[in-house]
N, C-alpha and C. Protein backbone atom coordinates (compact mmCIF):
# COMPACT_ATOMS: atom_id res chain seq x y z
N MET A 1 -14.28 60.95 -56.25
CA MET A 1 -14.88 61.59 -57.70
C MET A 1 -15.27 62.91 -57.46
N ILE A 2 -15.08 63.68 -58.42
CA ILE A 2 -15.76 64.90 -58.50
C ILE A 2 -16.51 65.03 -59.96
N ILE A 3 -17.69 64.88 -60.07
CA ILE A 3 -18.43 65.48 -61.65
C ILE A 3 -18.97 66.90 -61.42
N LYS A 4 -18.79 67.32 -62.67
CA LYS A 4 -19.73 68.40 -62.59
C LYS A 4 -20.42 68.48 -64.04
N ILE A 5 -21.65 69.12 -63.71
CA ILE A 5 -22.27 69.37 -64.99
C ILE A 5 -22.23 70.72 -65.26
N LEU A 6 -22.09 70.91 -66.42
CA LEU A 6 -21.84 72.52 -67.08
C LEU A 6 -23.12 72.63 -68.21
N GLY A 7 -23.72 73.84 -67.66
CA GLY A 7 -24.48 74.29 -68.40
C GLY A 7 -25.66 75.42 -67.53
N SER A 8 -26.55 75.98 -68.22
CA SER A 8 -27.36 77.12 -68.01
C SER A 8 -28.27 76.53 -66.82
N GLY A 9 -28.66 75.69 -66.63
CA GLY A 9 -29.67 74.96 -65.96
C GLY A 9 -31.22 74.87 -66.67
N CYS A 10 -30.71 74.46 -68.06
CA CYS A 10 -31.86 74.39 -68.70
C CYS A 10 -32.07 72.73 -69.05
N GLN A 11 -33.42 72.25 -69.68
CA GLN A 11 -34.06 71.11 -69.49
C GLN A 11 -33.05 70.12 -69.66
N ASN A 12 -31.83 70.00 -70.76
CA ASN A 12 -31.07 69.15 -70.87
C ASN A 12 -30.01 69.05 -69.85
N CYS A 13 -29.56 70.34 -69.12
CA CYS A 13 -28.72 70.23 -68.26
C CYS A 13 -29.20 69.24 -66.85
N VAL A 14 -30.70 69.38 -66.63
CA VAL A 14 -31.29 68.86 -65.61
C VAL A 14 -31.26 67.32 -65.97
N ALA A 15 -31.45 66.78 -66.93
CA ALA A 15 -31.68 65.38 -67.42
C ALA A 15 -30.13 64.99 -67.55
N LEU A 16 -29.24 65.53 -67.50
CA LEU A 16 -28.11 65.25 -67.57
C LEU A 16 -27.76 64.63 -66.26
N THR A 17 -28.15 65.83 -65.28
CA THR A 17 -28.00 65.55 -63.76
C THR A 17 -28.35 64.30 -63.15
N GLU A 18 -29.60 64.24 -63.85
CA GLU A 18 -30.43 63.22 -63.14
C GLU A 18 -30.07 62.06 -63.76
N ASN A 19 -29.74 61.58 -65.02
CA ASN A 19 -28.86 60.46 -65.30
C ASN A 19 -27.73 60.19 -64.96
N THR A 20 -26.76 60.91 -64.55
CA THR A 20 -25.52 61.09 -63.76
C THR A 20 -26.00 60.43 -62.53
N LYS A 21 -26.73 60.93 -61.69
CA LYS A 21 -27.16 60.57 -60.64
C LYS A 21 -27.49 58.89 -60.39
N ALA A 22 -28.47 58.96 -61.58
CA ALA A 22 -28.86 57.31 -61.45
C ALA A 22 -27.73 56.35 -61.81
N ALA A 23 -26.71 56.47 -63.11
CA ALA A 23 -25.50 55.75 -62.90
C ALA A 23 -24.76 55.53 -61.57
N ILE A 24 -24.60 56.72 -61.07
CA ILE A 24 -23.57 56.66 -60.14
C ILE A 24 -24.32 55.50 -58.88
N LYS A 25 -25.69 55.97 -58.52
CA LYS A 25 -26.43 54.97 -57.97
C LYS A 25 -26.51 53.26 -58.09
N LYS A 26 -26.28 53.08 -59.53
CA LYS A 26 -26.56 52.07 -59.61
C LYS A 26 -24.92 51.30 -59.73
N MET A 27 -23.90 51.98 -59.77
CA MET A 27 -22.62 51.67 -59.99
C MET A 27 -22.21 51.60 -58.36
N GLY A 28 -23.14 52.50 -57.37
CA GLY A 28 -22.40 51.97 -56.19
C GLY A 28 -21.15 52.93 -55.63
N ILE A 29 -20.71 53.92 -56.69
CA ILE A 29 -19.77 54.63 -56.25
C ILE A 29 -19.79 56.00 -55.44
N GLU A 30 -19.01 56.49 -54.92
CA GLU A 30 -19.41 57.85 -54.47
C GLU A 30 -18.56 58.80 -55.02
N ALA A 31 -19.42 59.87 -55.28
CA ALA A 31 -19.05 61.20 -56.15
C ALA A 31 -19.72 62.13 -55.59
N GLU A 32 -19.38 63.27 -56.05
CA GLU A 32 -19.89 64.42 -55.53
C GLU A 32 -20.45 65.39 -56.99
N ILE A 33 -21.40 65.62 -57.24
CA ILE A 33 -22.01 66.49 -58.41
C ILE A 33 -22.29 67.68 -58.18
N ILE A 34 -21.43 68.40 -58.74
CA ILE A 34 -21.23 69.98 -58.91
C ILE A 34 -21.78 70.50 -59.90
N LYS A 35 -23.09 71.82 -60.24
CA LYS A 35 -23.53 72.40 -61.29
C LYS A 35 -22.74 73.49 -61.34
N VAL A 36 -22.11 73.74 -62.60
CA VAL A 36 -21.17 74.92 -62.97
C VAL A 36 -22.27 75.66 -64.18
N THR A 37 -22.73 76.79 -63.41
CA THR A 37 -23.78 77.57 -64.51
C THR A 37 -23.15 78.98 -65.19
N ASP A 38 -21.95 79.39 -64.31
CA ASP A 38 -21.49 80.47 -64.77
C ASP A 38 -20.71 80.39 -65.93
N PHE A 39 -21.01 81.11 -67.15
CA PHE A 39 -20.54 80.77 -68.57
C PHE A 39 -19.14 81.18 -68.49
N LYS A 40 -18.47 82.14 -67.49
CA LYS A 40 -17.18 82.52 -67.48
C LYS A 40 -16.46 81.01 -66.74
N ASP A 41 -17.04 80.58 -65.92
CA ASP A 41 -16.36 79.39 -65.87
C ASP A 41 -16.78 77.98 -66.25
N ILE A 42 -17.57 77.74 -67.45
CA ILE A 42 -17.63 77.12 -68.32
C ILE A 42 -16.72 77.21 -69.45
N MET A 43 -16.75 78.30 -69.64
CA MET A 43 -15.16 78.27 -70.81
C MET A 43 -14.25 78.12 -70.21
N THR A 44 -13.78 78.22 -69.25
CA THR A 44 -12.46 77.52 -68.79
C THR A 44 -12.06 76.35 -68.75
N TYR A 45 -13.23 75.40 -69.26
CA TYR A 45 -13.11 74.23 -69.59
C TYR A 45 -13.25 73.77 -71.31
N GLY A 46 -13.41 74.97 -72.14
CA GLY A 46 -13.13 74.93 -73.43
C GLY A 46 -14.42 74.64 -74.38
N VAL A 47 -15.58 74.45 -73.36
CA VAL A 47 -16.43 73.96 -73.87
C VAL A 47 -17.66 74.98 -74.40
N MET A 48 -17.93 74.60 -75.75
CA MET A 48 -18.61 75.63 -76.51
C MET A 48 -20.38 75.46 -76.39
N SER A 49 -20.32 74.08 -76.29
CA SER A 49 -22.32 73.70 -76.11
C SER A 49 -22.18 72.83 -74.89
N THR A 50 -23.50 73.08 -74.35
CA THR A 50 -23.77 72.52 -73.09
C THR A 50 -25.32 71.62 -73.29
N PRO A 51 -25.59 70.69 -72.53
CA PRO A 51 -24.58 70.54 -71.16
C PRO A 51 -23.42 69.66 -71.52
N ALA A 52 -22.19 69.64 -70.57
CA ALA A 52 -21.34 69.02 -70.54
C ALA A 52 -21.02 68.17 -69.47
N LEU A 53 -20.13 67.01 -68.96
CA LEU A 53 -20.21 66.23 -68.39
C LEU A 53 -18.74 66.48 -68.15
N VAL A 54 -17.74 66.45 -66.69
CA VAL A 54 -16.66 66.79 -66.52
C VAL A 54 -16.38 65.96 -65.55
N ILE A 55 -15.63 64.73 -65.30
CA ILE A 55 -15.09 63.94 -64.36
C ILE A 55 -13.80 64.23 -64.17
N ASP A 56 -13.47 64.55 -62.51
CA ASP A 56 -12.37 64.82 -62.33
C ASP A 56 -11.24 65.86 -62.95
N GLU A 57 -12.09 66.62 -63.54
CA GLU A 57 -11.79 67.78 -64.11
C GLU A 57 -11.34 67.64 -65.52
N LYS A 58 -11.65 66.52 -66.07
CA LYS A 58 -11.78 66.11 -67.41
C LYS A 58 -13.23 66.02 -68.22
N VAL A 59 -12.98 66.92 -69.58
CA VAL A 59 -14.47 66.94 -70.33
C VAL A 59 -14.35 65.71 -70.66
N VAL A 60 -15.41 64.83 -70.54
CA VAL A 60 -15.97 63.65 -71.33
C VAL A 60 -16.91 63.73 -72.00
N SER A 61 -17.57 64.72 -72.01
CA SER A 61 -18.83 64.75 -72.76
C SER A 61 -19.54 66.49 -73.31
N PHE A 62 -19.98 66.69 -74.46
CA PHE A 62 -20.55 67.88 -74.31
C PHE A 62 -21.57 68.03 -75.50
N GLY A 63 -22.79 68.81 -75.31
CA GLY A 63 -23.50 68.87 -76.14
C GLY A 63 -24.61 68.35 -76.26
N LYS A 64 -24.84 67.25 -75.29
CA LYS A 64 -25.70 66.25 -75.60
C LYS A 64 -26.23 65.29 -74.41
N VAL A 65 -27.20 64.80 -74.02
CA VAL A 65 -27.61 64.12 -72.95
C VAL A 65 -27.08 62.82 -73.06
N LEU A 66 -26.35 62.47 -72.34
CA LEU A 66 -25.99 61.06 -72.04
C LEU A 66 -27.26 60.07 -71.45
N LYS A 67 -27.44 58.90 -71.67
CA LYS A 67 -28.22 57.89 -71.20
C LYS A 67 -27.55 57.50 -70.01
N PRO A 68 -28.14 57.03 -68.80
CA PRO A 68 -27.35 56.63 -67.78
C PRO A 68 -26.24 55.36 -68.24
N LYS A 69 -26.92 54.77 -69.11
CA LYS A 69 -25.87 53.70 -69.42
C LYS A 69 -24.27 53.94 -70.01
N ASP A 70 -24.64 55.07 -70.69
CA ASP A 70 -23.38 55.69 -71.12
C ASP A 70 -22.36 56.24 -70.35
N ILE A 71 -23.03 56.98 -69.53
CA ILE A 71 -22.41 57.21 -68.13
C ILE A 71 -21.94 56.53 -67.52
N GLU A 72 -22.32 55.37 -67.03
CA GLU A 72 -21.64 54.37 -66.46
C GLU A 72 -20.42 53.69 -67.51
N ASN A 73 -20.49 53.53 -68.55
CA ASN A 73 -19.11 53.12 -69.17
C ASN A 73 -18.18 54.15 -69.22
N ILE A 74 -18.66 55.39 -69.27
CA ILE A 74 -17.58 56.65 -68.85
C ILE A 74 -16.99 56.35 -67.69
N LEU A 75 -17.92 56.13 -66.43
CA LEU A 75 -17.34 56.15 -65.39
C LEU A 75 -16.43 54.84 -64.68
N ALA A 76 -16.85 54.02 -65.46
CA ALA A 76 -15.65 52.79 -65.60
C ALA A 76 -14.78 52.91 -65.74
N LYS A 77 -14.45 53.67 -66.92
CA LYS A 77 -13.26 54.04 -67.55
C LYS A 77 -12.24 55.07 -66.56
N ALA A 78 -13.17 55.78 -65.82
CA ALA A 78 -12.38 56.70 -65.03
C ALA A 78 -11.88 56.24 -63.66
N ARG A 79 -12.40 55.22 -63.51
CA ARG A 79 -11.84 54.76 -62.26
C ARG A 79 -10.47 54.34 -61.85
């Protein structure tokens, strides 16, 4: 599983990254987390507000910092 965090590296982007790591650890799944900070790359996903969460090339959230439990729910559906 490849998970991408789209954003400039702001505080919300960092928080989403940490919450994603916590969710992955709690679920015991293997995933690669990639931070995408280039706005040209971010625009290819059609995302207009960050941070955004992309799982296996599918945008699952944007414009908010999800809590670890919310990310766990999304990951469970993506498996």
